[in-house]
Amino acid sequence: MSDHGNQFGAYYYSHDCGVPYERNDHWMSFFGEIADAIVDRLHPTTVLDAGCAMGFLVEALRERGVEAYGVDISEYAISQVHESVREYCSVHSLADPLPGRYDLITSVEVIEHIPADLTDKVVANLCQATDRLLLSSSPMDYAEPTHVNVQQPEEWSAALAHEGFLRDLDHDASYLTPWAALYVRTDEPLEATIRRYDRAWWRLRWEVTEARRSLLEIQERLEDQTGTPRSGMADELAAAQEEILRLRDLVIGKDAELGTALGKVAELEEHLKRYTSVADKLDATLNSKSWKIMWAAGAPVRMLRRGRQEG
């Protein structure tokens, strides 16, 4: 095993993922759902999972009738592969040419572990073995000590473009992660590429604008009902609005960062659901009998204050 491979032994797999990384219900269900999405949307015939760890995705794909294989640099991980797929998984470094050619290669949270000086070689090896690459690489997890090559999605897109691969903007790979993407070998004319990217950029900008408008409408509604935003909620709403504004400017100025922005949109939609729920609860409170009694009881005080202000 190489020195790099030594980093991924039993200790690494016991602590890295929150839930112990072993053949349990959590991970088999997780990779089963990913395999379902891959089969349903990409219809691959042969798949190589580059950085397969313990072979859970290989196992799930083969259960669904796909001719799947896996390679990983960790001897420990390969030793834990289930006997049903053990013959299809092997120890192999992505810095070396890959064995065979495949209809699809998957690489899930792997290349951020690869030293930067091997990036070009690894990307070239992946691209030489397929015409489709389903890639997910964390753009933000710097706390993990083995993440020695964390890059933003546009950096991987640029590296893959050098090999003739472009992001398939019509394929939503969020069943993997918010930043995952499908890259496809293409020799399409520049005009067609620009058209695809501009279409995706405009769609994303519109989604962000609509999310911001909805949040502002909720804030105005809350302020109309209560007079002033509730303590704590005002700060959260302001923070959400600032984030949406920042994201809008990012989309306008840096369309190459579409992968990251899509992840942020999903996050903001979750915030929107939460604030909508808060607004519904507030509506119920304001329409309750006890609130109306309290509001009526406070009417003289409000009238007195209004009289003083007008005087």
C-alpha atoms as a PDB file:
ATOM      1  CA  MET A   1       0.000   0.000   0.000  1.00  0.00           C
ATOM      2  CA  SER A   2       1.272   3.519  -0.800  1.00  0.00           C
ATOM      3  CA  ASP A   3       1.887   6.076   1.944  1.00  0.00           C
ATOM      4  CA  HIS A   4      -1.224   7.865   0.753  1.00  0.00           C
ATOM      5  CA  GLY A   5      -3.257   4.666   1.047  1.00  0.00           C
ATOM      6  CA  ASN A   6      -2.075   4.184   4.622  1.00  0.00           C
ATOM      7  CA  GLN A   7      -4.267   7.117   5.687  1.00  0.00           C
ATOM      8  CA  PHE A   8      -7.441   5.153   5.019  1.00  0.00           C
ATOM      9  CA  GLY A   9      -7.305   2.282   7.465  1.00  0.00           C
ATOM     10  CA  ALA A  10      -9.686   1.024  10.140  1.00  0.00           C
ATOM     11  CA  TYR A  11      -9.531   4.240  12.191  1.00  0.00           C
ATOM     12  CA  TYR A  12     -10.447   6.449   9.237  1.00  0.00           C
ATOM     13  CA  TYR A  13     -13.563   4.417   8.437  1.00  0.00           C
ATOM     14  CA  SER A  14     -14.612   4.227  12.095  1.00  0.00           C
ATOM     15  CA  HIS A  15     -14.748   8.005  12.676  1.00  0.00           C
ATOM     16  CA  ASP A  16     -15.126   9.853   9.404  1.00  0.00           C
ATOM     17  CA  CYS A  17     -18.857   9.791   8.615  1.00  0.00           C
ATOM     18  CA  GLY A  18     -20.724  10.229  11.908  1.00  0.00           C
ATOM     19  CA  VAL A  19     -22.451   6.885  11.416  1.00  0.00           C
ATOM     20  CA  PRO A  20     -19.842   4.088  11.472  1.00  0.00           C
ATOM     21  CA  TYR A  21     -18.911   3.306   7.884  1.00  0.00           C
ATOM     22  CA  GLU A  22     -19.706  -0.380   7.764  1.00  0.00           C
ATOM     23  CA  ARG A  23     -22.224  -2.678   6.106  1.00  0.00           C
ATOM     24  CA  ASN A  24     -25.274  -1.613   8.108  1.00  0.00           C
ATOM     25  CA  ASP A  25     -28.861  -0.564   7.330  1.00  0.00           C
ATOM     26  CA  HIS A  26     -27.971   3.124   7.094  1.00  0.00           C
ATOM     27  CA  TRP A  27     -25.307   2.810   4.417  1.00  0.00           C
ATOM     28  CA  MET A  28     -26.997   0.033   2.468  1.00  0.00           C
ATOM     29  CA  SER A  29     -30.152   2.155   2.275  1.00  0.00           C
ATOM     30  CA  PHE A  30     -28.119   5.266   1.371  1.00  0.00           C
ATOM     31  CA  PHE A  31     -26.285   3.602  -1.511  1.00  0.00           C
ATOM     32  CA  GLY A  32     -29.400   1.710  -2.539  1.00  0.00           C
ATOM     33  CA  GLU A  33     -31.205   4.997  -3.171  1.00  0.00           C
ATOM     34  CA  ILE A  34     -28.226   6.308  -5.136  1.00  0.00           C
ATOM     35  CA  ALA A  35     -28.127   3.123  -7.205  1.00  0.00           C
ATOM     36  CA  ASP A  36     -31.855   3.455  -7.913  1.00  0.00           C
ATOM     37  CA  ALA A  37     -31.346   7.003  -9.179  1.00  0.00           C
ATOM     38  CA  ILE A  38     -28.362   6.033 -11.339  1.00  0.00           C
ATOM     39  CA  VAL A  39     -30.229   3.132 -12.940  1.00  0.00           C
ATOM     40  CA  ASP A  40     -33.419   5.132 -13.445  1.00  0.00           C
ATOM     41  CA  ARG A  41     -31.805   8.279 -14.873  1.00  0.00           C
ATOM     42  CA  LEU A  42     -28.581   7.141 -16.532  1.00  0.00           C
ATOM     43  CA  HIS A  43     -29.332   3.543 -17.578  1.00  0.00           C
ATOM     44  CA  PRO A  44     -25.673   2.420 -17.453  1.00  0.00           C
ATOM     45  CA  THR A  45     -24.538  -0.969 -18.667  1.00  0.00           C
ATOM     46  CA  THR A  46     -21.086  -1.023 -17.039  1.00  0.00           C
ATOM     47  CA  VAL A  47     -20.042   1.135 -14.067  1.00  0.00           C
ATOM     48  CA  LEU A  48     -16.757   1.656 -12.257  1.00  0.00           C
ATOM     49  CA  ASP A  49     -16.971   3.188  -8.782  1.00  0.00           C
ATOM     50  CA  ALA A  50     -13.634   5.002  -8.527  1.00  0.00           C
ATOM     51  CA  GLY A  51     -12.864   5.114  -4.824  1.00  0.00           C
ATOM     52  CA  CYS A  52     -15.413   2.444  -3.928  1.00  0.00           C
ATOM     53  CA  ALA A  53     -14.332   2.058  -0.267  1.00  0.00           C
ATOM     54  CA  MET A  54     -16.118  -1.093   0.977  1.00  0.00           C
ATOM     55  CA  GLY A  55     -18.011  -1.615  -2.264  1.00  0.00           C
ATOM     56  CA  PHE A  56     -21.510  -0.654  -1.076  1.00  0.00           C
ATOM     57  CA  LEU A  57     -22.419   1.123  -4.335  1.00  0.00           C
ATOM     58  CA  VAL A  58     -20.973  -1.726  -6.407  1.00  0.00           C
ATOM     59  CA  GLU A  59     -23.087  -4.169  -4.418  1.00  0.00           C
ATOM     60  CA  ALA A  60     -26.247  -2.055  -4.824  1.00  0.00           C
ATOM     61  CA  LEU A  61     -25.752  -1.644  -8.569  1.00  0.00           C
ATOM     62  CA  ARG A  62     -25.139  -5.351  -9.143  1.00  0.00           C
ATOM     63  CA  GLU A  63     -28.297  -6.167  -7.182  1.00  0.00           C
ATOM     64  CA  ARG A  64     -30.077  -4.008  -9.776  1.00  0.00           C
ATOM     65  CA  GLY A  65     -28.584  -5.845 -12.743  1.00  0.00           C
ATOM     66  CA  VAL A  66     -25.729  -3.453 -13.586  1.00  0.00           C
ATOM     67  CA  GLU A  67     -22.267  -4.823 -14.380  1.00  0.00           C
ATOM     68  CA  ALA A  68     -20.463  -2.810 -11.699  1.00  0.00           C
ATOM     69  CA  TYR A  69     -16.869  -2.798 -10.484  1.00  0.00           C
ATOM     70  CA  GLY A  70     -14.913  -0.861  -7.878  1.00  0.00           C
ATOM     71  CA  VAL A  71     -11.365   0.222  -7.122  1.00  0.00           C
ATOM     72  CA  ASP A  72      -9.935   1.868  -4.024  1.00  0.00           C
ATOM     73  CA  ILE A  73      -6.467   2.712  -2.739  1.00  0.00           C
ATOM     74  CA  SER A  74      -7.256   1.356   0.739  1.00  0.00           C
ATOM     75  CA  GLU A  75      -6.373  -2.289   1.296  1.00  0.00           C
ATOM     76  CA  TYR A  76      -8.372  -2.186   4.517  1.00  0.00           C
ATOM     77  CA  ALA A  77     -11.524  -0.986   2.736  1.00  0.00           C
ATOM     78  CA  ILE A  78     -11.249  -3.622   0.006  1.00  0.00           C
ATOM     79  CA  SER A  79     -10.767  -6.298   2.662  1.00  0.00           C
ATOM     80  CA  GLN A  80     -14.200  -5.361   4.042  1.00  0.00           C
ATOM     81  CA  VAL A  81     -16.047  -5.768   0.711  1.00  0.00           C
ATOM     82  CA  HIS A  82     -18.936  -8.223   0.972  1.00  0.00           C
ATOM     83  CA  GLU A  83     -18.213 -11.660  -0.413  1.00  0.00           C
ATOM     84  CA  SER A  84     -21.001 -11.283  -2.978  1.00  0.00           C
ATOM     85  CA  VAL A  85     -19.005  -8.614  -4.870  1.00  0.00           C
ATOM     86  CA  ARG A  86     -15.464  -9.224  -3.631  1.00  0.00           C
ATOM     87  CA  GLU A  87     -14.250 -10.469  -7.010  1.00  0.00           C
ATOM     88  CA  TYR A  88     -15.399  -7.209  -8.626  1.00  0.00           C
ATOM     89  CA  CYS A  89     -13.497  -4.829  -6.304  1.00  0.00           C
ATOM     90  CA  SER A  90      -9.740  -4.379  -6.107  1.00  0.00           C
ATOM     91  CA  VAL A  91      -6.965  -2.222  -4.673  1.00  0.00           C
ATOM     92  CA  HIS A  92      -5.951   0.355  -7.245  1.00  0.00           C
ATOM     93  CA  SER A  93      -4.701   3.952  -7.269  1.00  0.00           C
ATOM     94  CA  LEU A  94      -6.531   6.439  -9.465  1.00  0.00           C
ATOM     95  CA  ALA A  95      -3.115   7.876 -10.303  1.00  0.00           C
ATOM     96  CA  ASP A  96      -2.553   4.731 -12.395  1.00  0.00           C
ATOM     97  CA  PRO A  97      -4.453   3.953 -15.627  1.00  0.00           C
ATOM     98  CA  LEU A  98      -7.784   2.327 -14.866  1.00  0.00           C
ATOM     99  CA  PRO A  99      -8.502  -1.290 -15.863  1.00  0.00           C
ATOM    100  CA  GLY A 100     -10.924  -1.413 -18.769  1.00  0.00           C
ATOM    101  CA  ARG A 101     -13.464   1.047 -20.109  1.00  0.00           C
ATOM    102  CA  TYR A 102     -16.912   1.744 -18.708  1.00  0.00           C
ATOM    103  CA  ASP A 103     -20.225   3.240 -19.743  1.00  0.00           C
ATOM    104  CA  LEU A 104     -20.191   5.318 -16.536  1.00  0.00           C
ATOM    105  CA  ILE A 105     -17.647   6.096 -13.824  1.00  0.00           C
ATOM    106  CA  THR A 106     -18.807   7.289 -10.419  1.00  0.00           C
ATOM    107  CA  SER A 107     -16.538   9.072  -7.970  1.00  0.00           C
ATOM    108  CA  VAL A 108     -18.255  10.017  -4.705  1.00  0.00           C
ATOM    109  CA  GLU A 109     -16.334  12.235  -2.257  1.00  0.00           C
ATOM    110  CA  VAL A 110     -12.966  10.875  -3.361  1.00  0.00           C
ATOM    111  CA  ILE A 111     -10.834  13.351  -5.321  1.00  0.00           C
ATOM    112  CA  GLU A 112     -10.631  15.870  -2.481  1.00  0.00           C
ATOM    113  CA  HIS A 113      -8.469  13.214  -0.779  1.00  0.00           C
ATOM    114  CA  ILE A 114      -5.994  13.087  -3.670  1.00  0.00           C
ATOM    115  CA  PRO A 115      -2.815  15.236  -3.426  1.00  0.00           C
ATOM    116  CA  ALA A 116      -2.948  18.293  -5.678  1.00  0.00           C
ATOM    117  CA  ASP A 117       0.143  17.255  -7.651  1.00  0.00           C
ATOM    118  CA  LEU A 118      -1.727  14.146  -8.831  1.00  0.00           C
ATOM    119  CA  THR A 119      -4.901  15.972  -9.888  1.00  0.00           C
ATOM    120  CA  ASP A 120      -4.171  16.209 -13.608  1.00  0.00           C
ATOM    121  CA  LYS A 121      -3.117  12.562 -13.805  1.00  0.00           C
ATOM    122  CA  VAL A 122      -6.195  11.320 -11.917  1.00  0.00           C
ATOM    123  CA  VAL A 123      -8.597  13.422 -13.997  1.00  0.00           C
ATOM    124  CA  ALA A 124      -6.963  12.196 -17.219  1.00  0.00           C
ATOM    125  CA  ASN A 125      -7.192   8.551 -16.093  1.00  0.00           C
ATOM    126  CA  LEU A 126     -10.870   8.893 -15.227  1.00  0.00           C
ATOM    127  CA  CYS A 127     -11.668  10.532 -18.555  1.00  0.00           C
ATOM    128  CA  GLN A 128      -9.723   7.984 -20.599  1.00  0.00           C
ATOM    129  CA  ALA A 129     -11.853   5.155 -19.199  1.00  0.00           C
ATOM    130  CA  THR A 130     -15.339   6.548 -19.901  1.00  0.00           C
ATOM    131  CA  ASP A 131     -17.469   9.090 -21.718  1.00  0.00           C
ATOM    132  CA  ARG A 132     -19.595   9.857 -18.627  1.00  0.00           C
ATOM    133  CA  LEU A 133     -18.365  10.786 -15.149  1.00  0.00           C
ATOM    134  CA  LEU A 134     -20.681  11.242 -12.170  1.00  0.00           C
ATOM    135  CA  LEU A 135     -18.590  13.319  -9.784  1.00  0.00           C
ATOM    136  CA  SER A 136     -19.150  14.552  -6.238  1.00  0.00           C
ATOM    137  CA  SER A 137     -16.357  16.293  -4.329  1.00  0.00           C
ATOM    138  CA  SER A 138     -16.943  18.396  -1.214  1.00  0.00           C
ATOM    139  CA  PRO A 139     -16.258  22.108  -1.852  1.00  0.00           C
ATOM    140  CA  MET A 140     -16.234  23.074   1.819  1.00  0.00           C
ATOM    141  CA  ASP A 141     -15.159  20.380   4.296  1.00  0.00           C
ATOM    142  CA  TYR A 142     -11.711  21.622   5.235  1.00  0.00           C
ATOM    143  CA  ALA A 143     -11.854  20.237   8.783  1.00  0.00           C
ATOM    144  CA  GLU A 144     -11.238  16.644   7.658  1.00  0.00           C
ATOM    145  CA  PRO A 145      -7.423  16.216   7.718  1.00  0.00           C
ATOM    146  CA  THR A 146      -7.398  13.863   4.713  1.00  0.00           C
ATOM    147  CA  HIS A 147      -9.110  16.495   2.546  1.00  0.00           C
ATOM    148  CA  VAL A 148      -5.914  17.803   0.985  1.00  0.00           C
ATOM    149  CA  ASN A 149      -7.411  18.968  -2.306  1.00  0.00           C
ATOM    150  CA  VAL A 150     -10.721  20.707  -1.621  1.00  0.00           C
ATOM    151  CA  GLN A 151     -11.786  22.705  -4.679  1.00  0.00           C
ATOM    152  CA  GLN A 152     -14.902  24.565  -5.763  1.00  0.00           C
ATOM    153  CA  PRO A 153     -17.038  22.873  -8.442  1.00  0.00           C
ATOM    154  CA  GLU A 154     -15.863  25.239 -11.171  1.00  0.00           C
ATOM    155  CA  GLU A 155     -12.254  24.092 -10.652  1.00  0.00           C
ATOM    156  CA  TRP A 156     -13.186  20.480 -11.339  1.00  0.00           C
ATOM    157  CA  SER A 157     -15.312  21.634 -14.274  1.00  0.00           C
ATOM    158  CA  ALA A 158     -12.311  23.458 -15.731  1.00  0.00           C
ATOM    159  CA  ALA A 159     -10.031  20.432 -15.264  1.00  0.00           C
ATOM    160  CA  LEU A 160     -12.580  18.159 -16.930  1.00  0.00           C
ATOM    161  CA  ALA A 161     -13.152  20.623 -19.775  1.00  0.00           C
ATOM    162  CA  HIS A 162      -9.452  20.287 -20.546  1.00  0.00           C
ATOM    163  CA  GLU A 163     -10.174  16.604 -21.195  1.00  0.00           C
ATOM    164  CA  GLY A 164     -13.204  17.366 -23.372  1.00  0.00           C
ATOM    165  CA  PHE A 165     -15.863  16.843 -20.674  1.00  0.00           C
ATOM    166  CA  LEU A 166     -18.615  19.373 -19.916  1.00  0.00           C
ATOM    167  CA  ARG A 167     -21.246  19.442 -17.200  1.00  0.00           C
ATOM    168  CA  ASP A 168     -24.616  18.038 -18.262  1.00  0.00           C
ATOM    169  CA  LEU A 169     -26.776  20.940 -17.087  1.00  0.00           C
ATOM    170  CA  ASP A 170     -29.991  19.017 -17.665  1.00  0.00           C
ATOM    171  CA  HIS A 171     -29.044  16.244 -15.237  1.00  0.00           C
ATOM    172  CA  ASP A 172     -29.871  16.951 -11.589  1.00  0.00           C
ATOM    173  CA  ALA A 173     -27.334  14.949  -9.569  1.00  0.00           C
ATOM    174  CA  SER A 174     -28.541  16.171  -6.169  1.00  0.00           C
ATOM    175  CA  TYR A 175     -29.485  12.580  -5.296  1.00  0.00           C
ATOM    176  CA  LEU A 176     -25.761  12.355  -4.481  1.00  0.00           C
ATOM    177  CA  THR A 177     -24.989  15.783  -2.980  1.00  0.00           C
ATOM    178  CA  PRO A 178     -25.988  19.404  -3.745  1.00  0.00           C
ATOM    179  CA  TRP A 179     -22.647  19.886  -5.547  1.00  0.00           C
ATOM    180  CA  ALA A 180     -22.584  16.641  -7.540  1.00  0.00           C
ATOM    181  CA  ALA A 181     -22.617  16.802 -11.342  1.00  0.00           C
ATOM    182  CA  LEU A 182     -22.636  14.582 -14.394  1.00  0.00           C
ATOM    183  CA  TYR A 183     -19.845  15.347 -16.885  1.00  0.00           C
ATOM    184  CA  VAL A 184     -20.078  14.087 -20.456  1.00  0.00           C
ATOM    185  CA  ARG A 185     -17.498  13.895 -23.214  1.00  0.00           C
ATOM    186  CA  THR A 186     -18.537  16.262 -25.996  1.00  0.00           C
ATOM    187  CA  ASP A 187     -17.245  18.042 -29.037  1.00  0.00           C
ATOM    188  CA  GLU A 188     -20.278  20.315 -29.408  1.00  0.00           C
ATOM    189  CA  PRO A 189     -19.780  23.749 -31.022  1.00  0.00           C
ATOM    190  CA  LEU A 190     -19.024  26.652 -28.728  1.00  0.00           C
ATOM    191  CA  GLU A 191     -22.364  28.259 -29.569  1.00  0.00           C
ATOM    192  CA  ALA A 192     -24.253  25.215 -28.286  1.00  0.00           C
ATOM    193  CA  THR A 193     -22.218  25.176 -25.069  1.00  0.00           C
ATOM    194  CA  ILE A 194     -22.903  28.847 -24.439  1.00  0.00           C
ATOM    195  CA  ARG A 195     -26.605  28.306 -25.056  1.00  0.00           C
ATOM    196  CA  ARG A 196     -26.788  25.474 -22.512  1.00  0.00           C
ATOM    197  CA  TYR A 197     -24.905  27.384 -19.836  1.00  0.00           C
ATOM    198  CA  ASP A 198     -26.879  30.578 -20.396  1.00  0.00           C
ATOM    199  CA  ARG A 199     -30.169  28.664 -20.119  1.00  0.00           C
ATOM    200  CA  ALA A 200     -29.095  27.122 -16.810  1.00  0.00           C
ATOM    201  CA  TRP A 201     -27.779  30.460 -15.509  1.00  0.00           C
ATOM    202  CA  TRP A 202     -31.067  32.197 -16.252  1.00  0.00           C
ATOM    203  CA  ARG A 203     -33.128  29.421 -14.651  1.00  0.00           C
ATOM    204  CA  LEU A 204     -31.033  29.580 -11.499  1.00  0.00           C
ATOM    205  CA  ARG A 205     -31.220  33.379 -11.313  1.00  0.00           C
ATOM    206  CA  TRP A 206     -35.000  33.227 -11.619  1.00  0.00           C
ATOM    207  CA  GLU A 207     -35.260  30.616  -8.843  1.00  0.00           C
ATOM    208  CA  VAL A 208     -33.147  32.733  -6.489  1.00  0.00           C
ATOM    209  CA  THR A 209     -35.162  35.857  -7.273  1.00  0.00           C
ATOM    210  CA  GLU A 210     -38.423  34.049  -6.579  1.00  0.00           C
ATOM    211  CA  ALA A 211     -37.085  32.664  -3.279  1.00  0.00           C
ATOM    212  CA  ARG A 212     -36.039  36.149  -2.188  1.00  0.00           C
ATOM    213  CA  ARG A 213     -39.415  37.612  -3.128  1.00  0.00           C
ATOM    214  CA  SER A 214     -41.226  34.956  -1.120  1.00  0.00           C
ATOM    215  CA  LEU A 215     -39.116  35.613   1.967  1.00  0.00           C
ATOM    216  CA  LEU A 216     -39.702  39.356   1.733  1.00  0.00           C
ATOM    217  CA  GLU A 217     -43.454  38.815   1.430  1.00  0.00           C
ATOM    218  CA  ILE A 218     -43.423  36.634   4.555  1.00  0.00           C
ATOM    219  CA  GLN A 219     -41.486  39.279   6.467  1.00  0.00           C
ATOM    220  CA  GLU A 220     -43.933  42.021   5.437  1.00  0.00           C
ATOM    221  CA  ARG A 221     -46.833  39.819   6.465  1.00  0.00           C
ATOM    222  CA  LEU A 222     -45.332  39.179   9.897  1.00  0.00           C
ATOM    223  CA  GLU A 223     -44.624  42.863  10.440  1.00  0.00           C
ATOM    224  CA  ASP A 224     -48.195  43.801   9.450  1.00  0.00           C
ATOM    225  CA  GLN A 225     -49.598  41.322  11.949  1.00  0.00           C
ATOM    226  CA  THR A 226     -47.355  42.061  14.920  1.00  0.00           C
ATOM    227  CA  GLY A 227     -46.246  45.653  14.416  1.00  0.00           C
ATOM    228  CA  THR A 228     -42.601  44.627  14.893  1.00  0.00           C
ATOM    229  CA  PRO A 229     -40.822  41.350  14.105  1.00  0.00           C
ATOM    230  CA  ARG A 230     -40.576  38.941  17.002  1.00  0.00           C
ATOM    231  CA  SER A 231     -37.327  38.854  18.936  1.00  0.00           C
ATOM    232  CA  GLY A 232     -34.838  36.559  17.245  1.00  0.00           C
ATOM    233  CA  MET A 233     -36.955  36.087  14.131  1.00  0.00           C
ATOM    234  CA  ALA A 234     -35.982  39.521  12.815  1.00  0.00           C
ATOM    235  CA  ASP A 235     -32.298  38.640  12.946  1.00  0.00           C
ATOM    236  CA  GLU A 236     -32.893  35.325  11.199  1.00  0.00           C
ATOM    237  CA  LEU A 237     -34.963  36.956   8.478  1.00  0.00           C
ATOM    238  CA  ALA A 238     -32.354  39.656   7.958  1.00  0.00           C
ATOM    239  CA  ALA A 239     -29.604  37.054   7.736  1.00  0.00           C
ATOM    240  CA  ALA A 240     -31.622  35.044   5.219  1.00  0.00           C
ATOM    241  CA  GLN A 241     -32.254  38.133   3.092  1.00  0.00           C
ATOM    242  CA  GLU A 242     -28.557  39.059   3.128  1.00  0.00           C
ATOM    243  CA  GLU A 243     -27.630  35.539   2.075  1.00  0.00           C
ATOM    244  CA  ILE A 244     -30.129  35.581  -0.791  1.00  0.00           C
ATOM    245  CA  LEU A 245     -28.827  38.950  -1.984  1.00  0.00           C
ATOM    246  CA  ARG A 246     -25.270  37.653  -1.841  1.00  0.00           C
ATOM    247  CA  LEU A 247     -26.280  34.547  -3.760  1.00  0.00           C
ATOM    248  CA  ARG A 248     -28.070  36.589  -6.416  1.00  0.00           C
ATOM    249  CA  ASP A 249     -24.987  38.717  -7.003  1.00  0.00           C
ATOM    250  CA  LEU A 250     -22.854  35.584  -7.123  1.00  0.00           C
ATOM    251  CA  VAL A 251     -25.083  34.043  -9.796  1.00  0.00           C
ATOM    252  CA  ILE A 252     -25.038  37.206 -11.903  1.00  0.00           C
ATOM    253  CA  GLY A 253     -21.266  37.622 -11.717  1.00  0.00           C
ATOM    254  CA  LYS A 254     -20.011  34.037 -11.659  1.00  0.00           C
ATOM    255  CA  ASP A 255     -22.103  31.666 -13.697  1.00  0.00           C
ATOM    256  CA  ALA A 256     -19.258  29.124 -13.602  1.00  0.00           C
ATOM    257  CA  GLU A 257     -20.149  28.475  -9.946  1.00  0.00           C
ATOM    258  CA  LEU A 258     -23.550  27.013 -10.772  1.00  0.00           C
ATOM    259  CA  GLY A 259     -22.976  23.814  -8.829  1.00  0.00           C
ATOM    260  CA  THR A 260     -22.328  25.620  -5.544  1.00  0.00           C
ATOM    261  CA  ALA A 261     -25.194  28.057  -6.083  1.00  0.00           C
ATOM    262  CA  LEU A 262     -27.679  25.237  -6.687  1.00  0.00           C
ATOM    263  CA  GLY A 263     -26.759  23.810  -3.304  1.00  0.00           C
ATOM    264  CA  LYS A 264     -27.396  27.181  -1.666  1.00  0.00           C
ATOM    265  CA  VAL A 265     -30.795  27.471  -3.342  1.00  0.00           C
ATOM    266  CA  ALA A 266     -31.803  24.113  -1.838  1.00  0.00           C
ATOM    267  CA  GLU A 267     -30.677  25.327   1.569  1.00  0.00           C
ATOM    268  CA  LEU A 268     -32.665  28.555   1.249  1.00  0.00           C
ATOM    269  CA  GLU A 269     -35.765  26.672   0.195  1.00  0.00           C
ATOM    270  CA  GLU A 270     -35.537  24.748   3.472  1.00  0.00           C
ATOM    271  CA  HIS A 271     -35.324  28.101   5.306  1.00  0.00           C
ATOM    272  CA  LEU A 272     -38.391  29.272   3.398  1.00  0.00           C
ATOM    273  CA  LYS A 273     -40.344  26.198   4.500  1.00  0.00           C
ATOM    274  CA  ARG A 274     -39.357  26.880   8.096  1.00  0.00           C
ATOM    275  CA  TYR A 275     -40.388  30.538   7.993  1.00  0.00           C
ATOM    276  CA  THR A 276     -43.651  29.625   6.267  1.00  0.00           C
ATOM    277  CA  SER A 277     -44.351  27.221   9.112  1.00  0.00           C
ATOM    278  CA  VAL A 278     -43.587  29.977  11.647  1.00  0.00           C
ATOM    279  CA  ALA A 279     -45.922  32.347   9.827  1.00  0.00           C
ATOM    280  CA  ASP A 280     -48.723  29.760   9.863  1.00  0.00           C
ATOM    281  CA  LYS A 281     -48.274  29.249  13.598  1.00  0.00           C
ATOM    282  CA  LEU A 282     -48.311  33.015  14.132  1.00  0.00           C
ATOM    283  CA  ASP A 283     -51.533  33.295  12.122  1.00  0.00           C
ATOM    284  CA  ALA A 284     -53.117  30.678  14.344  1.00  0.00           C
ATOM    285  CA  THR A 285     -52.022  32.569  17.467  1.00  0.00           C
ATOM    286  CA  LEU A 286     -53.295  35.935  16.201  1.00  0.00           C
ATOM    287  CA  ASN A 287     -56.660  34.403  15.288  1.00  0.00           C
ATOM    288  CA  SER A 288     -57.041  32.681  18.638  1.00  0.00           C
ATOM    289  CA  LYS A 289     -59.569  33.872  21.207  1.00  0.00           C
ATOM    290  CA  SER A 290     -56.919  34.508  23.885  1.00  0.00           C
ATOM    291  CA  TRP A 291     -54.889  36.749  21.569  1.00  0.00           C
ATOM    292  CA  LYS A 292     -57.965  38.786  20.583  1.00  0.00           C
ATOM    293  CA  ILE A 293     -58.794  39.318  24.251  1.00  0.00           C
ATOM    294  CA  MET A 294     -55.212  40.472  24.985  1.00  0.00           C
ATOM    295  CA  TRP A 295     -55.256  42.744  21.913  1.00  0.00           C
ATOM    296  CA  ALA A 296     -58.577  44.281  22.936  1.00  0.00           C
ATOM    297  CA  ALA A 297     -57.324  44.794  26.489  1.00  0.00           C
ATOM    298  CA  GLY A 298     -54.327  46.704  25.183  1.00  0.00           C
ATOM    299  CA  ALA A 299     -56.358  49.016  22.951  1.00  0.00           C
ATOM    300  CA  PRO A 300     -56.612  51.885  25.510  1.00  0.00           C
ATOM    301  CA  VAL A 301     -52.856  51.890  26.007  1.00  0.00           C
ATOM    302  CA  ARG A 302     -52.228  52.006  22.242  1.00  0.00           C
ATOM    303  CA  MET A 303     -54.729  54.863  21.835  1.00  0.00           C
ATOM    304  CA  LEU A 304     -53.069  56.805  24.638  1.00  0.00           C
ATOM    305  CA  ARG A 305     -49.638  56.363  23.047  1.00  0.00           C
ATOM    306  CA  ARG A 306     -50.977  57.402  19.648  1.00  0.00           C
ATOM    307  CA  GLY A 307     -52.544  60.538  21.198  1.00  0.00           C
ATOM    308  CA  ARG A 308     -49.245  61.520  22.789  1.00  0.00           C
ATOM    309  CA  GLN A 309     -47.370  61.049  19.526  1.00  0.00           C
ATOM    310  CA  GLU A 310     -49.867  63.146  17.594  1.00  0.00           C
ATOM    311  CA  GLY A 311     -49.821  65.843  20.343  1.00  0.00           C
END
